Protein backbone atom coordinates (compact mmCIF):
# COMPACT_ATOMS: atom_id res chain seq x y z
CA UNK A 1 -7.44 -9.47 9.55
CA UNK A 2 -10.73 -7.64 9.18
CA UNK A 3 -12.75 -7.99 5.97
CA UNK A 4 -15.25 -5.35 4.86
CA UNK A 5 -17.88 -6.55 2.40
CA UNK A 6 -20.08 -4.25 0.28
CA UNK A 7 -23.76 -4.18 1.20
CA UNK A 8 -26.26 -5.97 -1.01
CA UNK A 9 -26.13 -8.96 -3.29
CA UNK A 10 -23.30 -8.88 -5.82
CA UNK A 11 -23.85 -10.19 -9.34
CA UNK A 12 -20.26 -11.42 -9.59
CA UNK A 13 -17.16 -11.61 -7.39
CA UNK A 14 -15.97 -8.07 -6.69
CA UNK A 15 -12.54 -6.44 -6.76
CA UNK A 16 -10.45 -6.69 -3.61
CA UNK A 17 -8.30 -4.04 -1.93
CA UNK A 18 -5.76 -5.12 0.68
CA UNK A 19 -4.92 -2.02 2.75
CA UNK A 20 -1.71 -1.87 4.81
CA UNK A 21 -1.65 0.77 7.52
CA UNK A 22 1.33 2.85 8.61
CA UNK A 23 2.82 3.76 11.96
CA UNK A 24 6.59 3.92 11.40
CA UNK A 25 6.69 0.10 11.57
CA UNK A 26 6.36 0.43 15.37
CA UNK A 27 2.67 1.18 15.84
CA UNK A 28 -0.76 0.57 14.36
CA UNK A 29 -3.70 -1.82 14.49
CA UNK A 30 -6.27 -2.89 11.96
CA UNK A 31 -9.19 -1.61 14.06
CA UNK A 32 -7.88 1.96 13.88
CA UNK A 33 -8.37 1.97 10.11
CA UNK A 34 -11.95 0.76 10.00
CA UNK A 35 -12.81 4.05 8.26
CA UNK A 36 -10.75 2.88 5.26
CA UNK A 37 -12.62 -0.41 5.13
CA UNK A 38 -15.94 1.40 5.39
CA UNK A 39 -15.04 3.93 2.66
CA UNK A 40 -13.80 1.39 0.12
CA UNK A 41 -16.48 -1.22 0.75
CA UNK A 42 -19.11 1.49 0.28
CA UNK A 43 -17.66 1.96 -3.21
CA UNK A 44 -17.95 -1.74 -4.04
CA UNK A 45 -14.54 -3.11 -3.03
CA UNK A 46 -14.14 -6.08 -0.73
CA UNK A 47 -11.55 -4.59 1.61
CA UNK A 48 -9.04 -6.39 3.81
CA UNK A 49 -7.00 -4.80 6.61
CA UNK A 50 -4.51 -7.14 8.23
CA UNK A 51 -2.19 -6.68 11.18
CA UNK A 52 1.53 -7.39 10.86
CA UNK A 53 4.33 -7.73 13.38
CA UNK A 54 6.02 -4.51 14.43
CA UNK A 55 9.41 -3.24 15.59
CA UNK A 56 10.95 -3.99 18.08
CA UNK A 57 9.42 -7.50 18.03
CA UNK A 58 10.77 -7.90 14.50
CA UNK A 59 13.01 -6.06 12.05
CA UNK A 60 13.18 -5.84 8.25
CA UNK A 61 12.03 -7.84 6.32
CA UNK A 62 9.64 -9.75 8.62
CA UNK A 63 6.78 -7.23 8.34
CA UNK A 64 6.93 -7.55 4.54
CA UNK A 65 6.91 -11.33 4.80
CA UNK A 66 3.83 -11.06 7.05
CA UNK A 67 2.17 -9.04 4.29
CA UNK A 68 2.98 -11.72 1.74
CA UNK A 69 1.41 -14.38 3.96
CA UNK A 70 -1.71 -12.23 4.34
CA UNK A 71 -1.92 -11.81 0.57
CA UNK A 72 -1.73 -15.54 0.02
CA UNK A 73 -4.45 -16.12 2.61
CA UNK A 74 -6.65 -13.53 0.91
CA UNK A 75 -6.10 -15.08 -2.51
CA UNK A 76 -7.05 -18.51 -1.18
CA UNK A 77 -10.09 -17.42 0.86
CA UNK A 78 -11.57 -14.15 -0.39
CA UNK A 79 -14.09 -15.85 -2.68
CA UNK A 80 -15.99 -16.86 0.48
CA UNK A 81 -16.60 -13.15 1.11
CA UNK A 82 -17.63 -12.22 -2.42
CA UNK A 83 -14.21 -11.11 -3.60
CA UNK A 84 -12.39 -12.17 -6.74
CA UNK A 85 -8.95 -13.73 -6.18
CA UNK A 86 -8.14 -12.56 -9.71
CA UNK A 87 -8.75 -8.89 -8.89
CA UNK A 88 -6.39 -8.15 -6.00
CA UNK A 89 -5.18 -4.57 -5.47
CA UNK A 90 -2.70 -3.36 -2.86
CA UNK A 91 -2.99 -0.05 -1.05
CA UNK A 92 -1.14 1.49 1.85
CA UNK A 93 -0.28 4.63 3.74
CA UNK A 94 3.14 5.74 5.00
CA UNK A 95 5.11 2.74 6.36
CA UNK A 96 2.26 0.55 5.17
CA UNK A 97 2.71 1.58 1.57
CA UNK A 98 6.42 0.93 1.92
CA UNK A 99 5.42 -2.67 2.70
CA UNK A 100 2.93 -2.68 -0.18
CA UNK A 101 5.48 -1.30 -2.63
CA UNK A 102 8.09 -3.88 -1.66
CA UNK A 103 5.51 -6.62 -2.20
CA UNK A 104 4.71 -5.04 -5.56
CA UNK A 105 8.22 -4.47 -6.91
CA UNK A 106 10.49 -7.04 -5.25
CA UNK A 107 9.21 -10.34 -6.64
CA UNK A 108 10.96 -12.44 -4.00
CA UNK A 109 8.31 -11.93 -1.32
CA UNK A 110 5.36 -13.18 -3.33
CA UNK A 111 7.43 -15.97 -4.87
CA UNK A 112 8.15 -17.21 -1.34
CA UNK A 113 4.41 -17.76 -0.73
CA UNK A 114 3.69 -19.30 -4.13
CA UNK A 115 2.31 -16.19 -5.83
CA UNK A 116 3.34 -14.27 -8.94
CA UNK A 117 3.84 -10.52 -8.98
CA UNK A 118 1.33 -10.21 -11.80
CA UNK A 119 -1.43 -11.49 -9.53
CA UNK A 120 -1.49 -8.02 -7.95
CA UNK A 121 -3.47 -5.92 -10.41
CA UNK A 122 -2.39 -2.48 -9.16
CA UNK A 123 -0.95 -0.66 -6.15
CA UNK A 124 -2.00 2.62 -4.53
CA UNK A 125 0.60 4.49 -2.50
CA UNK A 126 -0.34 7.29 -0.09
CA UNK A 127 2.53 9.33 1.39
CA UNK A 128 5.07 6.53 1.12
CA UNK A 129 8.79 6.40 1.97
CA UNK A 130 10.29 4.81 -1.14
CA UNK A 131 13.86 6.13 -0.96
CA UNK A 132 14.98 6.57 2.65
CA UNK A 133 18.72 5.95 2.54
CA UNK A 134 20.79 6.83 4.49
CA UNK A 135 19.26 5.56 7.72
CA UNK A 136 19.79 8.78 9.65
CA UNK A 137 16.82 8.86 12.02
CA UNK A 138 15.95 6.51 14.88
CA UNK A 139 12.99 4.85 13.17
CA UNK A 140 14.90 3.85 10.05
CA UNK A 141 17.99 2.80 12.03
CA UNK A 142 15.87 0.62 14.30
CA UNK A 143 13.87 -0.88 11.44
CA UNK A 144 16.51 -1.36 8.74
CA UNK A 145 19.88 -0.81 10.41
CA UNK A 146 20.67 -4.51 10.71
CA UNK A 147 20.02 -5.24 7.02
CA UNK A 148 23.10 -6.75 5.36
CA UNK A 149 22.42 -4.99 2.06
CA UNK A 150 20.78 -1.62 2.80
CA UNK A 151 20.05 -0.93 -0.87
CA UNK A 152 17.86 -4.04 -0.90
CA UNK A 153 15.51 -2.41 1.59
CA UNK A 154 14.48 0.41 -0.77
CA UNK A 155 11.49 0.13 -3.15
CA UNK A 156 13.10 2.57 -5.58
CA UNK A 157 15.83 0.03 -6.30
CA UNK A 158 13.30 -2.51 -7.58
CA UNK A 159 11.63 -0.31 -10.20
CA UNK A 160 11.07 -2.52 -13.23
CA UNK A 161 9.58 -2.39 -16.69
CA UNK A 162 6.86 -4.95 -16.02
CA UNK A 163 5.58 -3.30 -12.85
CA UNK A 164 1.81 -3.28 -12.53
CA UNK A 165 -0.06 0.07 -12.62
CA UNK A 166 0.92 2.26 -9.66
CA UNK A 167 -0.82 5.32 -8.19
CA UNK A 168 1.37 7.61 -6.08
CA UNK A 169 -0.20 10.38 -4.02
CA UNK A 170 1.10 12.72 -1.36
CA UNK A 171 0.02 15.84 0.49
CA UNK A 172 1.60 19.14 -0.45
CA UNK A 173 2.25 19.93 3.23
CA UNK A 174 3.81 16.58 4.17
CA UNK A 175 6.94 17.30 6.23
CA UNK A 176 7.35 13.77 7.61
CA UNK A 177 7.78 11.86 4.34
CA UNK A 178 8.70 14.49 1.79
CA UNK A 179 6.92 14.50 -1.60
CA UNK A 180 10.28 13.92 -3.29
CA UNK A 181 9.84 10.22 -2.37
CA UNK A 182 6.91 10.06 -4.78
CA UNK A 183 8.82 11.98 -7.44
CA UNK A 184 11.94 9.79 -7.21
CA UNK A 185 10.03 6.52 -7.40
CA UNK A 186 7.99 7.81 -10.33
CA UNK A 187 11.20 8.79 -12.14
CA UNK A 188 12.81 5.42 -11.44
CA UNK A 189 9.75 3.62 -12.79
CA UNK A 190 9.74 5.84 -15.86
CA UNK A 191 13.42 5.15 -16.53
CA UNK A 192 12.81 1.41 -16.16
CA UNK A 193 10.15 1.57 -18.87
CA UNK A 194 7.10 1.02 -16.64
CA UNK A 195 4.02 1.99 -18.61
CA UNK A 196 1.40 3.06 -16.05
CA UNK A 197 2.31 5.40 -13.20
CA UNK A 198 -0.21 7.96 -11.99
CA UNK A 199 0.85 10.89 -9.81
CA UNK A 200 -1.30 12.99 -7.54
CA UNK A 201 -0.63 15.76 -5.05
CA UNK A 202 -3.34 16.88 -2.64
CA UNK A 203 -3.04 20.58 -1.81
CA UNK A 204 -3.10 21.43 1.87
CA UNK A 205 -2.84 17.87 3.20
CA UNK A 206 -0.12 16.81 5.60
CA UNK A 207 1.31 13.35 6.10
CA UNK A 208 -1.69 11.78 7.83
CA UNK A 209 -4.16 13.69 5.68
CA UNK A 210 -3.96 11.41 2.65
CA UNK A 211 -5.30 8.60 4.86
CA UNK A 212 -7.72 10.51 7.08
CA UNK A 213 -9.30 12.18 4.02
CA UNK A 214 -10.73 8.74 3.22
CA UNK A 215 -12.93 9.04 6.30
CA UNK A 216 -16.56 9.95 5.75
CA UNK A 217 -16.18 12.91 8.11
CA UNK A 218 -13.12 14.33 6.35
CA UNK A 219 -13.64 13.56 2.67
CA UNK A 220 -14.41 17.26 2.13
CA UNK A 221 -10.71 18.03 2.69
CA UNK A 222 -9.51 16.48 -0.57
CA UNK A 223 -10.84 14.05 -3.23
CA UNK A 224 -8.44 11.28 -2.20
CA UNK A 225 -11.16 8.60 -2.17
CA UNK A 226 -12.57 9.64 -5.53
CA UNK A 227 -9.10 9.68 -7.10
CA UNK A 228 -8.19 6.27 -5.69
CA UNK A 229 -11.49 4.69 -6.75
CA UNK A 230 -11.20 6.13 -10.26
CA UNK A 231 -7.71 4.62 -10.58
CA UNK A 232 -8.80 1.22 -9.23
CA UNK A 233 -11.89 0.97 -11.42
CA UNK A 234 -9.79 1.66 -14.50
CA UNK A 235 -7.68 -1.36 -13.60
């Protein structure tokens, strides 16, 4: 994992964002998303970007389990880098936010590494696939097709009343992961009685745009960074 630390001397341990990148569970590397670490650390967040094993080396749920192990490592060690282990926030894009949302909503993964769901203060989801049944394209068949209980692979099926605050954003022009994923998860959380779900749609952005708009060179495209930071600070 790479850890991005805000410049300057901090008066107290700072909030921590663990960012999980996307790539259809088959691609991606932490170095590619250094712009996310730079953007969030510049706003005062100790930011962690960790690799995880990818398909075809592994299948569901190993990449989620890798995320749980990374979270436990961060909780145990982030104080050395000026971060507060009591102020952990999850964030992800595309397949990465699928992983983040499963860690958020399905308590089994954190329980397996000795953590409680409530130790994640909030979760930010950018362009996430939360309701992808049936598995009718190659990427979902390859990633989830061997799961014994397909419904157990879907974040929407773990919506619960005591879910931590969740921010769901998507681009209006996303044709890869349709905005209805955001709408369906938000509705499921609302029906479960969850109290804090924030929705955002960024006009003109495509699937990758909700992540790339975090970059210093592309922040003019949409206020994704400002919206995310506002949500995180409130939590």
